[in-house]
Amino acid sequence: MSGAAIVAEARRWIGTPYVHQASTRGAGTDCLGLLRGIWRAVLGAEPAPVPAYTPDWSEPSGDEVLMAACDRWLVRLPTGDGAEGTVLLFRMRPGSVAKHLGILVRAGGDASFIHAYSGHGVVESPLSEPWARRIAARFAFPERTV
């Protein structure tokens, strides 16, 4: 899957309001919904239904639910800068479960990523050091659906 195609689709979502559990460009989405919408646009139907989830994800149990889903449906990449279109999975606090997703737009000194952020909607943000140190894993979309 072309990183440029993934970034182009992610950019189409910029300005979409943040709505927990939603996945509709222009109407509302959260970070997982953004990833799901990009999947639908570039790969077709989603590979599995997404069960309901709370804003705290699996923090009370400590289960890495989102990490496991990414490992199941995406291709894990080695640590490093990544390339455009790379899926970034973040831990919002040290020691917590990974529960935020974004799409790498640019790597290197002026790195940025697109994500659906509570209170902001879908935005492109600099991948500054505070964000970069939260990256728990990097993934690529599969070449074709499973």
Protein backbone atom coordinates (compact mmCIF):
# COMPACT_ATOMS: atom_id res chain seq x y z
CA MET A 1 0.00 0.00 0.00
CA SER A 2 1.38 3.40 -0.97
CA GLY A 3 2.29 5.65 1.93
CA ALA A 4 1.35 8.64 -0.23
CA ALA A 5 -2.16 7.23 -0.75
CA ILE A 6 -2.58 6.70 3.00
CA VAL A 7 -1.42 10.24 3.79
CA ALA A 8 -3.66 11.71 1.07
CA GLU A 9 -6.68 9.93 2.55
CA ALA A 10 -5.72 10.98 6.10
CA ARG A 11 -5.55 14.60 4.94
CA ARG A 12 -9.12 14.33 3.64
CA TRP A 13 -10.19 13.76 7.27
CA ILE A 14 -8.57 16.93 8.68
CA GLY A 15 -11.23 19.07 10.33
CA THR A 16 -13.51 16.14 11.16
CA PRO A 17 -14.77 16.65 14.74
CA TYR A 18 -13.69 14.28 17.50
CA VAL A 19 -16.51 11.87 18.39
CA HIS A 20 -15.76 8.81 20.55
CA GLN A 21 -16.28 5.50 18.67
CA ALA A 22 -17.30 7.27 15.44
CA SER A 23 -15.70 6.73 12.03
CA THR A 24 -17.36 9.07 9.52
CA ARG A 25 -15.27 11.63 7.64
CA GLY A 26 -16.68 15.11 8.07
CA ALA A 27 -19.17 14.07 10.76
CA GLY A 28 -17.07 12.62 13.57
CA THR A 29 -14.29 10.21 14.44
CA ASP A 30 -11.85 9.19 17.12
CA CYS A 31 -8.30 7.97 16.47
CA LEU A 32 -9.36 4.37 15.82
CA GLY A 33 -12.21 5.59 13.62
CA LEU A 34 -9.72 7.59 11.57
CA LEU A 35 -7.62 4.48 11.00
CA ARG A 36 -10.75 2.48 10.15
CA GLY A 37 -11.89 5.13 7.66
CA ILE A 38 -8.50 5.18 5.97
CA TRP A 39 -8.58 1.36 5.80
CA ARG A 40 -11.99 1.45 4.09
CA ALA A 41 -10.82 4.06 1.57
CA VAL A 42 -7.55 2.36 0.60
CA LEU A 43 -8.22 -1.36 1.24
CA GLY A 44 -11.99 -1.84 1.20
CA ALA A 45 -14.17 -3.41 3.87
CA GLU A 46 -12.85 -3.52 7.42
CA PRO A 47 -11.46 -6.95 8.34
CA ALA A 48 -13.59 -7.36 11.48
CA PRO A 49 -16.28 -5.56 13.46
CA VAL A 50 -14.99 -3.30 16.22
CA PRO A 51 -16.56 -3.95 19.62
CA ALA A 52 -17.64 -1.03 21.79
CA TYR A 53 -14.84 0.50 23.86
CA THR A 54 -14.58 3.07 26.60
CA PRO A 55 -12.37 6.18 26.45
CA ASP A 56 -9.98 4.60 28.97
CA TRP A 57 -9.67 1.54 26.69
CA SER A 58 -8.25 -1.27 28.74
CA GLU A 59 -6.41 0.83 31.31
CA PRO A 60 -8.19 -0.76 34.33
CA SER A 61 -7.23 -4.28 33.22
CA GLY A 62 -3.85 -3.38 31.71
CA ASP A 63 -4.62 -5.49 28.62
CA GLU A 64 -2.97 -4.23 25.42
CA VAL A 65 -6.18 -4.55 23.40
CA LEU A 66 -5.28 -1.96 20.75
CA MET A 67 -1.72 -3.28 20.38
CA ALA A 68 -3.09 -6.80 19.87
CA ALA A 69 -5.56 -5.57 17.25
CA CYS A 70 -2.78 -3.71 15.42
CA ASP A 71 -0.62 -6.84 15.50
CA ARG A 72 -3.50 -8.86 14.09
CA TRP A 73 -4.51 -6.58 11.20
CA LEU A 74 -1.44 -4.47 10.43
CA VAL A 75 2.23 -5.24 9.76
CA ARG A 76 4.54 -4.39 12.67
CA LEU A 77 7.59 -2.38 11.70
CA PRO A 78 10.95 -2.12 13.45
CA THR A 79 11.55 0.93 15.61
CA GLY A 80 12.85 3.97 13.78
CA ASP A 81 11.61 6.98 11.92
CA GLY A 82 9.21 5.15 9.63
CA ALA A 83 7.98 6.37 6.29
CA GLU A 84 4.96 8.38 5.25
CA GLY A 85 1.78 6.43 5.88
CA THR A 86 3.20 4.54 8.88
CA VAL A 87 0.65 3.92 11.64
CA LEU A 88 1.92 5.18 14.99
CA LEU A 89 0.59 3.67 18.22
CA PHE A 90 1.12 5.80 21.33
CA ARG A 91 1.12 5.34 25.10
CA MET A 92 -0.28 8.54 26.51
CA ARG A 93 1.48 7.97 29.87
CA PRO A 94 4.52 5.85 30.74
CA GLY A 95 3.46 2.40 31.90
CA SER A 96 -0.09 2.75 30.56
CA VAL A 97 -1.65 0.75 27.76
CA ALA A 98 -1.19 1.99 24.20
CA LYS A 99 -4.43 3.69 23.21
CA HIS A 100 -3.85 6.45 20.64
CA LEU A 101 -3.21 6.16 16.90
CA GLY A 102 -1.88 8.47 14.22
CA ILE A 103 -0.58 8.41 10.66
CA LEU A 104 2.98 9.59 9.99
CA VAL A 105 2.94 12.31 7.33
CA ARG A 106 6.63 13.26 7.27
CA ALA A 107 9.68 11.71 8.94
CA GLY A 108 12.90 13.43 9.89
CA GLY A 109 13.53 16.86 11.39
CA ASP A 110 10.13 18.26 10.43
CA ALA A 111 8.16 15.09 11.22
CA SER A 112 4.41 15.37 11.56
CA PHE A 113 1.42 13.07 11.93
CA ILE A 114 -2.35 13.18 11.51
CA HIS A 115 -4.56 12.03 14.35
CA ALA A 116 -8.02 12.49 15.85
CA TYR A 117 -7.40 14.20 19.14
CA SER A 118 -10.02 14.74 21.83
CA GLY A 119 -11.00 18.40 21.99
CA HIS A 120 -9.34 19.16 18.63
CA GLY A 121 -10.75 16.78 16.01
CA VAL A 122 -8.58 15.49 13.19
CA VAL A 123 -5.43 17.58 12.99
CA GLU A 124 -1.89 17.41 11.68
CA SER A 125 0.56 17.86 14.55
CA PRO A 126 4.34 18.09 14.71
CA LEU A 127 5.86 14.81 15.87
CA SER A 128 7.67 16.71 18.61
CA GLU A 129 9.77 15.00 21.27
CA PRO A 130 6.84 14.75 23.73
CA TRP A 131 4.86 12.84 21.08
CA ALA A 132 7.82 10.85 19.72
CA ARG A 133 8.73 9.45 23.12
CA ARG A 134 5.17 8.13 23.51
CA ILE A 135 5.39 5.89 20.43
CA ALA A 136 4.87 2.30 21.54
CA ALA A 137 4.92 0.66 18.11
CA ARG A 138 4.85 1.37 14.37
CA PHE A 139 2.82 -0.48 11.77
CA ALA A 140 2.16 -0.53 8.05
CA PHE A 141 -1.12 -1.21 6.35
CA PRO A 142 -1.14 -4.65 4.68
CA GLU A 143 -0.73 -4.77 0.92
CA ARG A 144 -4.18 -6.28 0.63
CA THR A 145 -6.94 -7.28 3.00
CA VAL A 146 -6.73 -10.55 4.86
